[in-house]
Amino acid sequence: MARAYLSLGSNVEPQRHLTAALGELRERFGALAVSPAYRTKSVGFDGADFVNLAVGLDTDLSPQGLNDWLHALEDRHGRRRDVPRFSDRTLDLDIVFYDRLVTQGPGHLQIPRDELKHAFVLRPMADIAPQFAHPITGRTMAELWAAFPAHGTPMVVEPWLTPGTG
């Protein structure tokens, strides 16, 4: 079993789609560590606000197998792949970390994810895995968040999601 950390996001009916995604992740992988959900402005395009959170889970799938499973989950919830990469989406599910692996592959598989440079990925990761060390830099998520230059980035906690495990 490997420990994987995921970033989940949505800006199209986020409560509906993220709640459903968490249900399907629990059904497939069991207990999850779930961060608070944060509402932020869209990045890279002019669109509705995104709601993002992080999830930690244990998996028997390979990194590519997990990536394929996540893409199928996105597709079941109406993720469109015929639109520009930076556009509105029902679900955006990415593997941020897979144990301490560093790799790339088909289907935009990139571990660790470059998006960790954004507050909407880093802060939820620091919430659920503060002592997890980045496999390249060796710095923990708590250290990276403490050094993050844009703590002023507006991030509003969504009250409909209760973080924790289970």
Protein backbone atom coordinates (compact mmCIF):
# COMPACT_ATOMS: atom_id res chain seq x y z
CA MET A 1 0.00 0.00 0.00
CA ALA A 2 1.15 3.50 -0.80
CA ARG A 3 0.11 6.79 0.81
CA ALA A 4 -1.18 9.24 -1.76
CA TYR A 5 -2.20 12.86 -1.31
CA LEU A 6 -4.67 14.35 -3.75
CA SER A 7 -5.85 17.83 -4.62
CA LEU A 8 -9.57 18.12 -5.39
CA GLY A 9 -11.18 21.17 -6.93
CA SER A 10 -14.38 22.32 -8.57
CA ASN A 11 -15.97 25.55 -9.71
CA VAL A 12 -19.15 24.09 -11.20
CA GLU A 13 -21.58 23.12 -8.42
CA PRO A 14 -18.61 22.43 -6.12
CA GLN A 15 -20.64 21.23 -3.13
CA ARG A 16 -22.40 18.62 -5.24
CA HIS A 17 -19.36 17.40 -7.16
CA LEU A 18 -16.80 17.44 -4.33
CA THR A 19 -19.19 15.69 -1.92
CA ALA A 20 -19.85 13.00 -4.53
CA ALA A 21 -16.13 12.61 -5.25
CA LEU A 22 -15.36 12.18 -1.54
CA GLY A 23 -18.06 9.49 -1.36
CA GLU A 24 -16.58 7.59 -4.29
CA LEU A 25 -13.04 7.92 -2.89
CA ARG A 26 -14.22 6.52 0.48
CA GLU A 27 -16.02 3.67 -1.26
CA ARG A 28 -12.89 2.68 -3.22
CA PHE A 29 -10.10 3.47 -0.75
CA GLY A 30 -11.66 3.46 2.72
CA ALA A 31 -10.80 6.04 5.38
CA LEU A 32 -9.62 9.41 4.10
CA ALA A 33 -7.82 12.33 5.71
CA VAL A 34 -9.79 15.38 4.50
CA SER A 35 -8.72 19.01 4.79
CA PRO A 36 -11.05 21.96 5.09
CA ALA A 37 -12.41 23.13 1.74
CA TYR A 38 -11.26 26.59 0.66
CA ARG A 39 -12.97 28.96 -1.78
CA THR A 40 -10.53 30.97 -3.91
CA LYS A 41 -10.54 32.96 -7.13
CA SER A 42 -9.92 30.97 -10.32
CA VAL A 43 -6.29 30.92 -11.49
CA GLY A 44 -5.27 31.17 -15.14
CA PHE A 45 -8.66 32.28 -16.47
CA ASP A 46 -11.65 34.44 -15.61
CA GLY A 47 -14.18 32.05 -14.11
CA ALA A 48 -16.27 31.26 -11.06
CA ASP A 49 -14.52 30.77 -7.72
CA PHE A 50 -13.02 27.35 -7.08
CA VAL A 51 -13.43 25.24 -3.99
CA ASN A 52 -10.31 23.16 -3.27
CA LEU A 53 -9.33 20.62 -0.64
CA ALA A 54 -6.77 17.89 -0.07
CA VAL A 55 -7.26 14.22 0.68
CA GLY A 56 -4.85 11.61 2.01
CA LEU A 57 -5.54 7.95 1.28
CA ASP A 58 -3.88 4.55 1.14
CA THR A 59 -3.94 2.83 -2.23
CA ASP A 60 -3.04 -0.46 -3.83
CA LEU A 61 -3.02 1.17 -7.28
CA SER A 62 0.15 2.23 -9.08
CA PRO A 63 0.57 5.96 -9.68
CA GLN A 64 -0.63 5.55 -13.29
CA GLY A 65 -3.50 3.30 -12.17
CA LEU A 66 -4.59 5.86 -9.57
CA ASN A 67 -4.32 8.68 -12.11
CA ASP A 68 -6.48 6.71 -14.56
CA TRP A 69 -9.04 5.96 -11.80
CA LEU A 70 -9.20 9.67 -10.90
CA HIS A 71 -9.70 10.64 -14.56
CA ALA A 72 -12.58 8.14 -14.79
CA LEU A 73 -14.11 9.71 -11.66
CA GLU A 74 -13.79 13.17 -13.23
CA ASP A 75 -15.41 11.87 -16.41
CA ARG A 76 -18.35 10.33 -14.48
CA HIS A 77 -19.01 13.81 -13.10
CA GLY A 78 -19.03 15.59 -16.44
CA ARG A 79 -15.41 16.73 -16.73
CA ARG A 80 -14.93 18.04 -20.24
CA ARG A 81 -11.59 17.49 -21.95
CA ASP A 82 -12.53 19.24 -25.20
CA VAL A 83 -12.15 22.73 -23.68
CA PRO A 84 -9.05 24.76 -22.81
CA ARG A 85 -7.08 23.37 -19.86
CA PHE A 86 -7.72 26.52 -17.83
CA SER A 87 -11.52 26.64 -17.80
CA ASP A 88 -14.49 25.86 -15.58
CA ARG A 89 -14.66 22.27 -14.36
CA THR A 90 -16.96 20.01 -12.43
CA LEU A 91 -14.03 18.12 -10.91
CA ASP A 92 -10.26 18.45 -11.04
CA LEU A 93 -8.49 15.61 -9.23
CA ASP A 94 -4.69 15.44 -9.13
CA ILE A 95 -2.15 13.29 -7.33
CA VAL A 96 0.09 15.73 -5.46
CA PHE A 97 2.25 13.09 -3.74
CA TYR A 98 2.52 9.31 -3.96
CA ASP A 99 4.75 8.23 -1.08
CA ARG A 100 8.09 9.93 -1.86
CA LEU A 101 7.99 9.16 -5.58
CA VAL A 102 9.11 11.66 -8.22
CA THR A 103 7.75 10.80 -11.67
CA GLN A 104 5.89 11.91 -14.78
CA GLY A 105 3.65 10.04 -17.17
CA PRO A 106 0.74 10.15 -19.57
CA GLY A 107 -2.50 11.89 -18.66
CA HIS A 108 -0.76 14.90 -17.08
CA LEU A 109 0.71 12.63 -14.38
CA GLN A 110 3.28 14.70 -12.51
CA ILE A 111 4.38 13.75 -9.00
CA PRO A 112 4.90 15.93 -7.09
CA ARG A 113 2.52 18.44 -8.70
CA ASP A 114 3.81 21.86 -9.70
CA GLU A 115 0.50 23.32 -8.46
CA LEU A 116 1.87 22.98 -4.92
CA LYS A 117 3.20 26.50 -5.56
CA HIS A 118 -0.40 27.75 -5.23
CA ALA A 119 -2.00 28.43 -1.85
CA PHE A 120 -5.13 26.49 -2.84
CA VAL A 121 -3.05 23.28 -3.07
CA LEU A 122 -0.39 23.93 -0.40
CA ARG A 123 -2.61 25.11 2.46
CA PRO A 124 -4.95 22.07 2.41
CA MET A 125 -1.88 19.80 2.17
CA ALA A 126 -0.36 21.52 5.22
CA ASP A 127 -3.67 21.01 7.03
CA ILE A 128 -3.72 17.22 6.62
CA ALA A 129 -0.02 16.37 6.33
CA PRO A 130 2.00 19.09 8.07
CA GLN A 131 5.01 16.82 8.69
CA PHE A 132 5.08 15.24 5.23
CA ALA A 133 8.39 16.18 3.60
CA HIS A 134 8.51 17.18 -0.07
CA PRO A 135 10.54 14.42 -1.80
CA ILE A 136 12.71 16.94 -3.69
CA THR A 137 13.23 19.83 -1.26
CA GLY A 138 12.93 17.89 2.00
CA ARG A 139 10.85 20.72 3.49
CA THR A 140 7.66 19.76 5.29
CA MET A 141 4.26 21.01 4.21
CA ALA A 142 4.10 23.07 7.42
CA GLU A 143 7.47 24.68 6.61
CA LEU A 144 6.44 25.41 3.03
CA TRP A 145 3.15 26.97 4.16
CA ALA A 146 4.87 29.05 6.87
CA ALA A 147 7.24 30.41 4.20
CA PHE A 148 4.50 30.97 1.62
CA PRO A 149 4.65 34.59 0.46
CA ALA A 150 0.95 35.13 -0.17
CA HIS A 151 -0.76 34.40 3.12
CA GLY A 152 -2.90 37.36 2.12
CA THR A 153 -4.47 35.29 -0.69
CA PRO A 154 -8.19 35.27 0.14
CA MET A 155 -9.15 31.72 1.12
CA VAL A 156 -12.58 31.31 2.68
CA VAL A 157 -13.37 28.03 4.45
CA GLU A 158 -16.53 26.39 3.11
CA PRO A 159 -18.79 25.43 6.05
CA TRP A 160 -20.54 22.54 4.25
CA LEU A 161 -17.49 20.27 4.42
CA THR A 162 -16.38 18.89 7.76
CA PRO A 163 -12.67 18.00 7.60
CA GLY A 164 -11.15 15.05 9.37
CA THR A 165 -10.78 11.34 8.84
CA GLY A 166 -13.30 8.73 7.91
